[in-house]
Amino acid sequence: MRSTKASAAVTRLNTRDTDYRYSMGMTASGFFYLLRAKPGAAPEKISDELTQEEFIALVNRTGPQKKVRVSRLDAAFEQQLKRGKE
């Protein structure tokens, strides 16, 4: 199915942003759009009709972003790379 990647992106967005419930809509011509609803309210359309790639990029940019964990070893390696450039 074409929409599997898009629905997985919406699922990830719902885990990042618990204030709203997000869902996706799909037109007959195969374009996607994003819907957002507060708990107990009707969903509102918050995006235009987009291709699958554009839709996934929009969903990944929407809502709070997950912080990337950096290990102590990764941080030391980054410092070592900076010193090597000097």
Protein backbone atom coordinates (compact mmCIF):
# COMPACT_ATOMS: atom_id res chain seq x y z
CA MET A 1 0.00 0.00 0.00
CA ARG A 2 1.14 3.46 -0.86
CA SER A 3 -0.04 5.04 2.37
CA THR A 4 1.92 2.86 4.80
CA LYS A 5 4.84 5.30 5.11
CA ALA A 6 2.47 8.23 5.49
CA SER A 7 0.42 6.54 8.22
CA ALA A 8 3.61 5.53 10.06
CA ALA A 9 4.71 9.18 10.01
CA VAL A 10 1.37 10.24 11.51
CA THR A 11 1.70 7.58 14.22
CA ARG A 12 5.15 8.93 15.14
CA LEU A 13 3.71 12.46 15.27
CA ASN A 14 0.93 11.31 17.63
CA THR A 15 3.53 9.88 20.02
CA ARG A 16 5.53 13.14 19.95
CA ASP A 17 2.58 15.52 20.39
CA THR A 18 -0.01 14.33 22.90
CA ASP A 19 -1.94 17.64 22.98
CA TYR A 20 -3.62 16.88 19.66
CA ARG A 21 -4.76 13.81 17.73
CA TYR A 22 -3.45 13.80 14.19
CA SER A 23 -4.80 11.82 11.28
CA MET A 24 -4.39 11.81 7.56
CA GLY A 25 -6.81 12.08 4.72
CA MET A 26 -6.33 10.89 1.18
CA THR A 27 -8.02 12.23 -1.92
CA ALA A 28 -9.25 10.10 -4.81
CA SER A 29 -6.33 11.36 -6.90
CA GLY A 30 -3.80 10.01 -4.36
CA PHE A 31 -2.83 13.20 -2.53
CA PHE A 32 -2.56 13.36 1.28
CA TYR A 33 -3.59 16.02 3.80
CA LEU A 34 -3.10 16.33 7.56
CA LEU A 35 -5.93 16.66 10.07
CA ARG A 36 -5.56 17.83 13.68
CA ALA A 37 -8.11 17.64 16.50
CA LYS A 38 -8.13 18.55 20.16
CA PRO A 39 -9.62 15.83 22.38
CA GLY A 40 -13.41 15.94 22.02
CA ALA A 41 -13.37 18.40 19.09
CA ALA A 42 -13.91 17.98 15.38
CA PRO A 43 -10.77 17.56 13.24
CA GLU A 44 -9.55 20.51 11.19
CA LYS A 45 -7.55 20.32 7.99
CA ILE A 46 -4.13 21.91 8.58
CA SER A 47 -2.36 21.23 5.28
CA ASP A 48 -2.94 21.41 1.57
CA GLU A 49 -3.12 18.34 -0.60
CA LEU A 50 0.44 17.02 -0.91
CA THR A 51 2.30 14.18 -2.57
CA GLN A 52 3.42 11.34 -0.32
CA GLU A 53 7.01 12.62 -0.02
CA GLU A 54 5.88 16.19 0.73
CA PHE A 55 3.32 14.91 3.24
CA ILE A 56 5.89 12.83 5.14
CA ALA A 57 8.31 15.79 5.24
CA LEU A 58 5.53 18.04 6.61
CA VAL A 59 4.53 15.52 9.27
CA ASN A 60 8.16 15.09 10.35
CA ARG A 61 8.48 18.90 10.77
CA THR A 62 5.16 19.25 12.65
CA GLY A 63 4.94 19.19 16.44
CA PRO A 64 7.67 18.90 19.02
CA GLN A 65 10.83 17.24 17.80
CA LYS A 66 12.37 14.27 19.51
CA LYS A 67 15.67 15.10 21.17
CA VAL A 68 18.59 13.15 19.80
CA ARG A 69 20.52 11.38 22.52
CA VAL A 70 24.26 11.90 22.30
CA SER A 71 26.47 9.49 24.20
CA ARG A 72 29.58 10.54 26.05
CA LEU A 73 31.73 8.77 23.47
CA ASP A 74 30.00 10.54 20.58
CA ALA A 75 30.56 13.92 22.24
CA ALA A 76 34.25 13.14 22.78
CA PHE A 77 34.58 12.06 19.15
CA GLU A 78 33.01 15.34 17.96
CA GLN A 79 35.49 17.32 20.06
CA GLN A 80 38.34 15.29 18.62
CA LEU A 81 37.15 16.04 15.09
CA LYS A 82 36.99 19.77 15.86
CA ARG A 83 40.53 19.73 17.24
CA GLY A 84 41.75 17.91 14.13
CA LYS A 85 40.45 20.70 11.88
CA GLU A 86 42.34 23.40 13.77
